[in-house]
Amino acid sequence: ISKESQETDTRPKLDLGFKEGQTIKLNIGNMPTK
């Protein structure tokens, strides 16, 4: 457990936030497509 916690601290953290101007596309069922 202590070894995993140390690896987690040294590992670069993932930034899952949206960047400025970034968008995502969602595919929802029963919706018209192009």
PDB file of all heavy atoms in Angstrom:
ATOM      1  N   ILE A   1       0.838  -1.209   0.000  1.00  0.00           N
ATOM      2  CA  ILE A   1       0.000   0.000   0.000  1.00  0.00           C
ATOM      3  C   ILE A   1       0.869   1.254   0.000  1.00  0.00           C
ATOM      4  O   ILE A   1       0.601   2.221  -0.731  1.00  0.00           O
ATOM      5  CB  ILE A   1      -0.946  -0.027   1.208  1.00  0.00           C
ATOM      6  CG1 ILE A   1      -1.993  -1.142   1.046  1.00  0.00           C
ATOM      7  CG2 ILE A   1      -1.648   1.321   1.368  1.00  0.00           C
ATOM      8  CD1 ILE A   1      -2.856  -1.344   2.265  1.00  0.00           C
ATOM      9  N   SER A   2       1.900   1.258   0.830  1.00  0.00           N
ATOM     10  CA  SER A   2       2.782   2.431   0.876  1.00  0.00           C
ATOM     11  C   SER A   2       3.525   2.617  -0.446  1.00  0.00           C
ATOM     12  O   SER A   2       3.743   3.751  -0.900  1.00  0.00           O
ATOM     13  CB  SER A   2       3.778   2.275   2.032  1.00  0.00           C
ATOM     14  OG  SER A   2       4.596   1.132   1.852  1.00  0.00           O
ATOM     15  N   LYS A   3       3.873   1.505  -1.099  1.00  0.00           N
ATOM     16  CA  LYS A   3       4.563   1.609  -2.380  1.00  0.00           C
ATOM     17  C   LYS A   3       3.638   2.177  -3.444  1.00  0.00           C
ATOM     18  O   LYS A   3       4.051   3.022  -4.258  1.00  0.00           O
ATOM     19  CB  LYS A   3       5.067   0.218  -2.791  1.00  0.00           C
ATOM     20  CG  LYS A   3       5.886   0.218  -4.064  1.00  0.00           C
ATOM     21  CD  LYS A   3       6.400  -1.172  -4.371  1.00  0.00           C
ATOM     22  CE  LYS A   3       7.223  -1.197  -5.654  1.00  0.00           C
ATOM     23  NZ  LYS A   3       7.706  -2.570  -5.980  1.00  0.00           N
ATOM     24  N   GLU A   4       2.390   1.751  -3.460  1.00  0.00           N
ATOM     25  CA  GLU A   4       1.438   2.277  -4.435  1.00  0.00           C
ATOM     26  C   GLU A   4       1.157   3.753  -4.197  1.00  0.00           C
ATOM     27  O   GLU A   4       1.000   4.523  -5.150  1.00  0.00           O
ATOM     28  CB  GLU A   4       0.132   1.472  -4.376  1.00  0.00           C
ATOM     29  CG  GLU A   4       0.261   0.053  -4.904  1.00  0.00           C
ATOM     30  CD  GLU A   4      -1.034  -0.725  -4.780  1.00  0.00           C
ATOM     31  OE1 GLU A   4      -2.015  -0.136  -4.247  1.00  0.00           O
ATOM     32  OE2 GLU A   4      -1.076  -1.891  -5.197  1.00  0.00           O
ATOM     33  N   SER A   5       1.067   4.159  -2.936  1.00  0.00           N
ATOM     34  CA  SER A   5       0.823   5.575  -2.648  1.00  0.00           C
ATOM     35  C   SER A   5       1.990   6.443  -3.098  1.00  0.00           C
ATOM     36  O   SER A   5       1.798   7.551  -3.616  1.00  0.00           O
ATOM     37  CB  SER A   5       0.567   5.765  -1.156  1.00  0.00           C
ATOM     38  OG  SER A   5       1.697   5.381  -0.398  1.00  0.00           O
ATOM     39  N   GLN A   6       3.203   5.949  -2.949  1.00  0.00           N
ATOM     40  CA  GLN A   6       4.368   6.700  -3.410  1.00  0.00           C
ATOM     41  C   GLN A   6       4.382   6.810  -4.929  1.00  0.00           C
ATOM     42  O   GLN A   6       4.706   7.863  -5.484  1.00  0.00           O
ATOM     43  CB  GLN A   6       5.652   6.032  -2.920  1.00  0.00           C
ATOM     44  CG  GLN A   6       5.864   6.123  -1.415  1.00  0.00           C
ATOM     45  CD  GLN A   6       7.111   5.385  -0.960  1.00  0.00           C
ATOM     46  OE1 GLN A   6       7.819   4.789  -1.773  1.00  0.00           O
ATOM     47  NE2 GLN A   6       7.375   5.417   0.341  1.00  0.00           N
ATOM     48  N   GLU A   7       4.025   5.735  -5.603  1.00  0.00           N
ATOM     49  CA  GLU A   7       3.971   5.796  -7.063  1.00  0.00           C
ATOM     50  C   GLU A   7       2.889   6.744  -7.534  1.00  0.00           C
ATOM     51  O   GLU A   7       3.048   7.446  -8.544  1.00  0.00           O
ATOM     52  CB  GLU A   7       3.727   4.400  -7.639  1.00  0.00           C
ATOM     53  CG  GLU A   7       4.898   3.439  -7.451  1.00  0.00           C
ATOM     54  CD  GLU A   7       4.598   2.063  -8.004  1.00  0.00           C
ATOM     55  OE1 GLU A   7       3.443   1.849  -8.431  1.00  0.00           O
ATOM     56  OE2 GLU A   7       5.503   1.207  -7.998  1.00  0.00           O
ATOM     57  N   THR A   8       1.786   6.795  -6.804  1.00  0.00           N
ATOM     58  CA  THR A   8       0.709   7.711  -7.177  1.00  0.00           C
ATOM     59  C   THR A   8       1.133   9.162  -7.007  1.00  0.00           C
ATOM     60  O   THR A   8       0.774  10.028  -7.813  1.00  0.00           O
ATOM     61  CB  THR A   8      -0.541   7.419  -6.334  1.00  0.00           C
ATOM     62  OG1 THR A   8      -0.905   6.042  -6.493  1.00  0.00           O
ATOM     63  CG2 THR A   8      -1.712   8.282  -6.769  1.00  0.00           C
ATOM     64  N   ASP A   9       1.886   9.449  -5.958  1.00  0.00           N
ATOM     65  CA  ASP A   9       2.330  10.821  -5.732  1.00  0.00           C
ATOM     66  C   ASP A   9       3.337  11.274  -6.786  1.00  0.00           C
ATOM     67  O   ASP A   9       3.326  12.438  -7.204  1.00  0.00           O
ATOM     68  CB  ASP A   9       2.948  10.941  -4.334  1.00  0.00           C
ATOM     69  CG  ASP A   9       1.919  10.690  -3.243  1.00  0.00           C
ATOM     70  OD1 ASP A   9       0.711  10.831  -3.524  1.00  0.00           O
ATOM     71  OD2 ASP A   9       2.312  10.325  -2.110  1.00  0.00           O
ATOM     72  N   THR A  10       4.205  10.383  -7.204  1.00  0.00           N
ATOM     73  CA  THR A  10       5.215  10.753  -8.198  1.00  0.00           C
ATOM     74  C   THR A  10       4.671  10.735  -9.618  1.00  0.00           C
ATOM     75  O   THR A  10       5.242  11.367 -10.508  1.00  0.00           O
ATOM     76  CB  THR A  10       6.402   9.786  -8.118  1.00  0.00           C
ATOM     77  OG1 THR A  10       5.936   8.438  -8.302  1.00  0.00           O
ATOM     78  CG2 THR A  10       7.088   9.879  -6.754  1.00  0.00           C
ATOM     79  N   ARG A  11       3.570  10.036  -9.839  1.00  0.00           N
ATOM     80  CA  ARG A  11       2.997   9.950 -11.180  1.00  0.00           C
ATOM     81  C   ARG A  11       2.325  11.280 -11.536  1.00  0.00           C
ATOM     82  O   ARG A  11       1.682  11.905 -10.695  1.00  0.00           O
ATOM     83  CB  ARG A  11       1.974   8.820 -11.215  1.00  0.00           C
ATOM     84  CG  ARG A  11       1.452   8.471 -12.602  1.00  0.00           C
ATOM     85  CD  ARG A  11       0.437   7.357 -12.483  1.00  0.00           C
ATOM     86  NE  ARG A  11       1.001   6.196 -11.791  1.00  0.00           N
ATOM     87  CZ  ARG A  11       0.269   5.194 -11.341  1.00  0.00           C
ATOM     88  NH1 ARG A  11      -1.050   5.207 -11.491  1.00  0.00           N
ATOM     89  NH2 ARG A  11       0.853   4.176 -10.718  1.00  0.00           N
ATOM     90  N   PRO A  12       2.446  11.766 -12.779  1.00  0.00           N
ATOM     91  CA  PRO A  12       1.777  13.023 -13.153  1.00  0.00           C
ATOM     92  C   PRO A  12       0.262  12.864 -13.079  1.00  0.00           C
ATOM     93  O   PRO A  12      -0.312  11.851 -13.495  1.00  0.00           O
ATOM     94  CB  PRO A  12       2.253  13.267 -14.601  1.00  0.00           C
ATOM     95  CG  PRO A  12       2.710  11.926 -15.091  1.00  0.00           C
ATOM     96  CD  PRO A  12       3.248  11.207 -13.887  1.00  0.00           C
ATOM     97  N   LYS A  13      -0.364  13.892 -12.541  1.00  0.00           N
ATOM     98  CA  LYS A  13      -1.820  13.846 -12.359  1.00  0.00           C
ATOM     99  C   LYS A  13      -2.517  14.104 -13.689  1.00  0.00           C
ATOM    100  O   LYS A  13      -2.074  14.912 -14.499  1.00  0.00           O
ATOM    101  CB  LYS A  13      -2.245  14.888 -11.331  1.00  0.00           C
ATOM    102  CG  LYS A  13      -1.683  14.619  -9.936  1.00  0.00           C
ATOM    103  CD  LYS A  13      -2.186  15.658  -8.957  1.00  0.00           C
ATOM    104  CE  LYS A  13      -1.621  15.389  -7.558  1.00  0.00           C
ATOM    105  NZ  LYS A  13      -2.093  16.402  -6.562  1.00  0.00           N
ATOM    106  N   LEU A  14      -3.607  13.405 -13.873  1.00  0.00           N
ATOM    107  CA  LEU A  14      -4.397  13.568 -15.086  1.00  0.00           C
ATOM    108  C   LEU A  14      -5.312  14.779 -14.943  1.00  0.00           C
ATOM    109  O   LEU A  14      -6.010  14.926 -13.938  1.00  0.00           O
ATOM    110  CB  LEU A  14      -5.236  12.312 -15.349  1.00  0.00           C
ATOM    111  CG  LEU A  14      -4.465  11.042 -15.717  1.00  0.00           C
ATOM    112  CD1 LEU A  14      -5.425   9.879 -15.861  1.00  0.00           C
ATOM    113  CD2 LEU A  14      -3.676  11.238 -16.992  1.00  0.00           C
ATOM    114  N   ASP A  15      -5.280  15.633 -15.950  1.00  0.00           N
ATOM    115  CA  ASP A  15      -6.155  16.796 -15.978  1.00  0.00           C
ATOM    116  C   ASP A  15      -7.333  16.472 -16.884  1.00  0.00           C
ATOM    117  O   ASP A  15      -7.219  16.481 -18.113  1.00  0.00           O
ATOM    118  CB  ASP A  15      -5.385  18.012 -16.491  1.00  0.00           C
ATOM    119  CG  ASP A  15      -6.224  19.279 -16.414  1.00  0.00           C
ATOM    120  OD1 ASP A  15      -7.303  19.231 -15.791  1.00  0.00           O
ATOM    121  OD2 ASP A  15      -5.800  20.316 -16.971  1.00  0.00           O
ATOM    122  N   LEU A  16      -8.464  16.171 -16.268  1.00  0.00           N
ATOM    123  CA  LEU A  16      -9.660  15.788 -17.023  1.00  0.00           C
ATOM    124  C   LEU A  16     -10.593  16.955 -17.285  1.00  0.00           C
ATOM    125  O   LEU A  16     -11.714  16.751 -17.765  1.00  0.00           O
ATOM    126  CB  LEU A  16     -10.425  14.692 -16.263  1.00  0.00           C
ATOM    127  CG  LEU A  16      -9.632  13.401 -16.004  1.00  0.00           C
ATOM    128  CD1 LEU A  16     -10.488  12.407 -15.235  1.00  0.00           C
ATOM    129  CD2 LEU A  16      -9.135  12.784 -17.292  1.00  0.00           C
ATOM    130  N   GLY A  17     -10.170  18.168 -16.945  1.00  0.00           N
ATOM    131  CA  GLY A  17     -11.014  19.325 -17.170  1.00  0.00           C
ATOM    132  C   GLY A  17     -11.000  19.754 -18.635  1.00  0.00           C
ATOM    133  O   GLY A  17     -10.097  19.423 -19.411  1.00  0.00           O
ATOM    134  N   PHE A  18     -12.015  20.511 -19.038  1.00  0.00           N
ATOM    135  CA  PHE A  18     -12.113  21.007 -20.395  1.00  0.00           C
ATOM    136  C   PHE A  18     -11.166  22.192 -20.576  1.00  0.00           C
ATOM    137  O   PHE A  18     -11.103  23.093 -19.740  1.00  0.00           O
ATOM    138  CB  PHE A  18     -13.544  21.452 -20.710  1.00  0.00           C
ATOM    139  CG  PHE A  18     -14.485  20.317 -20.913  1.00  0.00           C
ATOM    140  CD1 PHE A  18     -15.341  19.915 -19.904  1.00  0.00           C
ATOM    141  CD2 PHE A  18     -14.519  19.632 -22.115  1.00  0.00           C
ATOM    142  CE1 PHE A  18     -16.198  18.868 -20.083  1.00  0.00           C
ATOM    143  CE2 PHE A  18     -15.376  18.580 -22.305  1.00  0.00           C
ATOM    144  CZ  PHE A  18     -16.221  18.194 -21.292  1.00  0.00           C
ATOM    145  N   LYS A  19     -10.460  22.142 -21.690  1.00  0.00           N
ATOM    146  CA  LYS A  19      -9.640  23.277 -22.043  1.00  0.00           C
ATOM    147  C   LYS A  19     -10.526  24.384 -22.621  1.00  0.00           C
ATOM    148  O   LYS A  19     -11.686  24.171 -22.937  1.00  0.00           O
ATOM    149  CB  LYS A  19      -8.570  22.854 -23.058  1.00  0.00           C
ATOM    150  CG  LYS A  19      -7.697  21.686 -22.627  1.00  0.00           C
ATOM    151  CD  LYS A  19      -6.917  22.030 -21.389  1.00  0.00           C
ATOM    152  CE  LYS A  19      -5.941  20.903 -21.029  1.00  0.00           C
ATOM    153  NZ  LYS A  19      -6.620  19.653 -20.655  1.00  0.00           N
ATOM    154  N   GLU A  20      -9.950  25.554 -22.759  1.00  0.00           N
ATOM    155  CA  GLU A  20     -10.711  26.676 -23.282  1.00  0.00           C
ATOM    156  C   GLU A  20     -11.046  26.436 -24.742  1.00  0.00           C
ATOM    157  O   GLU A  20     -10.170  26.174 -25.571  1.00  0.00           O
ATOM    158  CB  GLU A  20      -9.900  27.962 -23.128  1.00  0.00           C
ATOM    159  CG  GLU A  20     -10.660  29.205 -23.547  1.00  0.00           C
ATOM    160  CD  GLU A  20      -9.849  30.461 -23.315  1.00  0.00           C
ATOM    161  OE1 GLU A  20      -8.723  30.353 -22.786  1.00  0.00           O
ATOM    162  OE2 GLU A  20     -10.343  31.541 -23.661  1.00  0.00           O
ATOM    163  N   GLY A  21     -12.340  26.476 -25.059  1.00  0.00           N
ATOM    164  CA  GLY A  21     -12.798  26.234 -26.424  1.00  0.00           C
ATOM    165  C   GLY A  21     -12.961  24.780 -26.791  1.00  0.00           C
ATOM    166  O   GLY A  21     -13.353  24.471 -27.912  1.00  0.00           O
ATOM    167  N   GLN A  22     -12.721  23.864 -25.879  1.00  0.00           N
ATOM    168  CA  GLN A  22     -12.831  22.440 -26.179  1.00  0.00           C
ATOM    169  C   GLN A  22     -14.272  21.988 -26.031  1.00  0.00           C
ATOM    170  O   GLN A  22     -14.978  22.402 -25.104  1.00  0.00           O
ATOM    171  CB  GLN A  22     -11.934  21.634 -25.240  1.00  0.00           C
ATOM    172  CG  GLN A  22     -11.886  20.144 -25.551  1.00  0.00           C
ATOM    173  CD  GLN A  22     -10.961  19.387 -24.608  1.00  0.00           C
ATOM    174  OE1 GLN A  22     -10.428  19.973 -23.674  1.00  0.00           O
ATOM    175  NE2 GLN A  22     -10.785  18.114 -24.861  1.00  0.00           N
ATOM    176  N   THR A  23     -14.735  21.166 -26.932  1.00  0.00           N
ATOM    177  CA  THR A  23     -16.097  20.647 -26.913  1.00  0.00           C
ATOM    178  C   THR A  23     -16.066  19.145 -27.050  1.00  0.00           C
ATOM    179  O   THR A  23     -15.066  18.559 -27.476  1.00  0.00           O
ATOM    180  CB  THR A  23     -16.935  21.241 -28.057  1.00  0.00           C
ATOM    181  OG1 THR A  23     -16.318  20.918 -29.307  1.00  0.00           O
ATOM    182  CG2 THR A  23     -17.051  22.756 -27.928  1.00  0.00           C
ATOM    183  N   ILE A  24     -17.172  18.522 -26.702  1.00  0.00           N
ATOM    184  CA  ILE A  24     -17.324  17.081 -26.838  1.00  0.00           C
ATOM    185  C   ILE A  24     -18.584  16.796 -27.623  1.00  0.00           C
ATOM    186  O   ILE A  24     -19.476  17.645 -27.732  1.00  0.00           O
ATOM    187  CB  ILE A  24     -17.371  16.380 -25.462  1.00  0.00           C
ATOM    188  CG1 ILE A  24     -18.565  16.883 -24.644  1.00  0.00           C
ATOM    189  CG2 ILE A  24     -16.082  16.573 -24.702  1.00  0.00           C
ATOM    190  CD1 ILE A  24     -18.754  16.137 -23.352  1.00  0.00           C
ATOM    191  N   LYS A  25     -18.668  15.617 -28.163  1.00  0.00           N
ATOM    192  CA  LYS A  25     -19.808  15.186 -28.956  1.00  0.00           C
ATOM    193  C   LYS A  25     -20.421  13.970 -28.298  1.00  0.00           C
ATOM    194  O   LYS A  25     -19.727  13.005 -28.006  1.00  0.00           O
ATOM    195  CB  LYS A  25     -19.377  14.854 -30.383  1.00  0.00           C
ATOM    196  CG  LYS A  25     -20.529  14.423 -31.283  1.00  0.00           C
ATOM    197  CD  LYS A  25     -20.028  14.125 -32.690  1.00  0.00           C
ATOM    198  CE  LYS A  25     -21.160  13.669 -33.591  1.00  0.00           C
ATOM    199  NZ  LYS A  25     -20.672  13.342 -34.957  1.00  0.00           N
ATOM    200  N   LEU A  26     -21.724  14.033 -28.060  1.00  0.00           N
ATOM    201  CA  LEU A  26     -22.450  12.934 -27.428  1.00  0.00           C
ATOM    202  C   LEU A  26     -23.374  12.307 -28.446  1.00  0.00           C
ATOM    203  O   LEU A  26     -24.103  13.021 -29.162  1.00  0.00           O
ATOM    204  CB  LEU A  26     -23.259  13.437 -26.225  1.00  0.00           C
ATOM    205  CG  LEU A  26     -22.457  14.062 -25.080  1.00  0.00           C
ATOM    206  CD1 LEU A  26     -23.405  14.562 -23.998  1.00  0.00           C
ATOM    207  CD2 LEU A  26     -21.495  13.063 -24.494  1.00  0.00           C
ATOM    208  N   ASN A  27     -23.362  11.001 -28.531  1.00  0.00           N
ATOM    209  CA  ASN A  27     -24.277  10.247 -29.391  1.00  0.00           C
ATOM    210  C   ASN A  27     -25.375   9.649 -28.523  1.00  0.00           C
ATOM    211  O   ASN A  27     -25.126   8.765 -27.714  1.00  0.00           O
ATOM    212  CB  ASN A  27     -23.517   9.153 -30.143  1.00  0.00           C
ATOM    213  CG  ASN A  27     -22.535   9.718 -31.137  1.00  0.00           C
ATOM    214  OD1 ASN A  27     -22.771  10.768 -31.720  1.00  0.00           O
ATOM    215  ND2 ASN A  27     -21.420   9.031 -31.336  1.00  0.00           N
ATOM    216  N   ILE A  28     -26.570  10.163 -28.695  1.00  0.00           N
ATOM    217  CA  ILE A  28     -27.718   9.713 -27.917  1.00  0.00           C
ATOM    218  C   ILE A  28     -28.651   8.964 -28.850  1.00  0.00           C
ATOM    219  O   ILE A  28     -28.890   9.381 -29.991  1.00  0.00           O
ATOM    220  CB  ILE A  28     -28.440  10.896 -27.257  1.00  0.00           C
ATOM    221  CG1 ILE A  28     -27.455  11.680 -26.382  1.00  0.00           C
ATOM    222  CG2 ILE A  28     -29.626  10.416 -26.423  1.00  0.00           C
ATOM    223  CD1 ILE A  28     -28.039  12.913 -25.760  1.00  0.00           C
ATOM    224  N   GLY A  29     -29.173   7.841 -28.384  1.00  0.00           N
ATOM    225  CA  GLY A  29     -30.065   7.042 -29.212  1.00  0.00           C
ATOM    226  C   GLY A  29     -31.351   7.760 -29.564  1.00  0.00           C
ATOM    227  O   GLY A  29     -31.798   8.690 -28.892  1.00  0.00           O
ATOM    228  N   ASN A  30     -31.974   7.330 -30.695  1.00  0.00           N
ATOM    229  CA  ASN A  30     -33.245   7.872 -31.177  1.00  0.00           C
ATOM    230  C   ASN A  30     -33.163   9.360 -31.471  1.00  0.00           C
ATOM    231  O   ASN A  30     -34.111  10.114 -31.266  1.00  0.00           O
ATOM    232  CB  ASN A  30     -34.376   7.597 -30.179  1.00  0.00           C
ATOM    233  CG  ASN A  30     -34.596   6.129 -29.959  1.00  0.00           C
ATOM    234  OD1 ASN A  30     -34.403   5.320 -30.864  1.00  0.00           O
ATOM    235  ND2 ASN A  30     -35.008   5.755 -28.756  1.00  0.00           N
ATOM    236  N   MET A  31     -32.021   9.805 -31.927  1.00  0.00           N
ATOM    237  CA  MET A  31     -31.855  11.207 -32.285  1.00  0.00           C
ATOM    238  C   MET A  31     -31.499  11.274 -33.768  1.00  0.00           C
ATOM    239  O   MET A  31     -30.820  10.402 -34.301  1.00  0.00           O
ATOM    240  CB  MET A  31     -30.752  11.858 -31.452  1.00  0.00           C
ATOM    241  CG  MET A  31     -31.102  11.989 -29.975  1.00  0.00           C
ATOM    242  SD  MET A  31     -32.452  13.135 -29.677  1.00  0.00           S
ATOM    243  CE  MET A  31     -31.635  14.681 -30.077  1.00  0.00           C
ATOM    244  N   PRO A  32     -31.972  12.311 -34.479  1.00  0.00           N
ATOM    245  CA  PRO A  32     -31.664  12.412 -35.918  1.00  0.00           C
ATOM    246  C   PRO A  32     -30.195  12.674 -36.131  1.00  0.00           C
ATOM    247  O   PRO A  32     -29.541  13.371 -35.361  1.00  0.00           O
ATOM    248  CB  PRO A  32     -32.520  13.600 -36.375  1.00  0.00           C
ATOM    249  CG  PRO A  32     -32.755  14.406 -35.137  1.00  0.00           C
ATOM    250  CD  PRO A  32     -32.825  13.403 -34.012  1.00  0.00           C
ATOM    251  N   THR A  33     -29.643  12.089 -37.166  1.00  0.00           N
ATOM    252  CA  THR A  33     -28.244  12.284 -37.531  1.00  0.00           C
ATOM    253  C   THR A  33     -28.180  12.973 -38.887  1.00  0.00           C
ATOM    254  O   THR A  33     -29.199  13.171 -39.567  1.00  0.00           O
ATOM    255  CB  THR A  33     -27.514  10.932 -37.588  1.00  0.00           C
ATOM    256  OG1 THR A  33     -28.184  10.078 -38.536  1.00  0.00           O
ATOM    257  CG2 THR A  33     -27.530  10.253 -36.225  1.00  0.00           C
ATOM    258  N   LYS A  34     -26.958  13.329 -39.277  1.00  0.00           N
ATOM    259  CA  LYS A  34     -26.795  13.999 -40.557  1.00  0.00           C
ATOM    260  C   LYS A  34     -27.117  13.066 -41.718  1.00  0.00           C
ATOM    261  O   LYS A  34     -27.625  13.482 -42.747  1.00  0.00           O
ATOM    262  CB  LYS A  34     -25.365  14.509 -40.680  1.00  0.00           C
ATOM    263  CG  LYS A  34     -25.062  15.631 -39.705  1.00  0.00           C
ATOM    264  CD  LYS A  34     -23.655  16.166 -39.927  1.00  0.00           C
ATOM    265  CE  LYS A  34     -23.354  17.309 -38.965  1.00  0.00           C
ATOM    266  NZ  LYS A  34     -21.986  17.833 -39.166  1.00  0.00           N
TER     267      LYS A  34
END
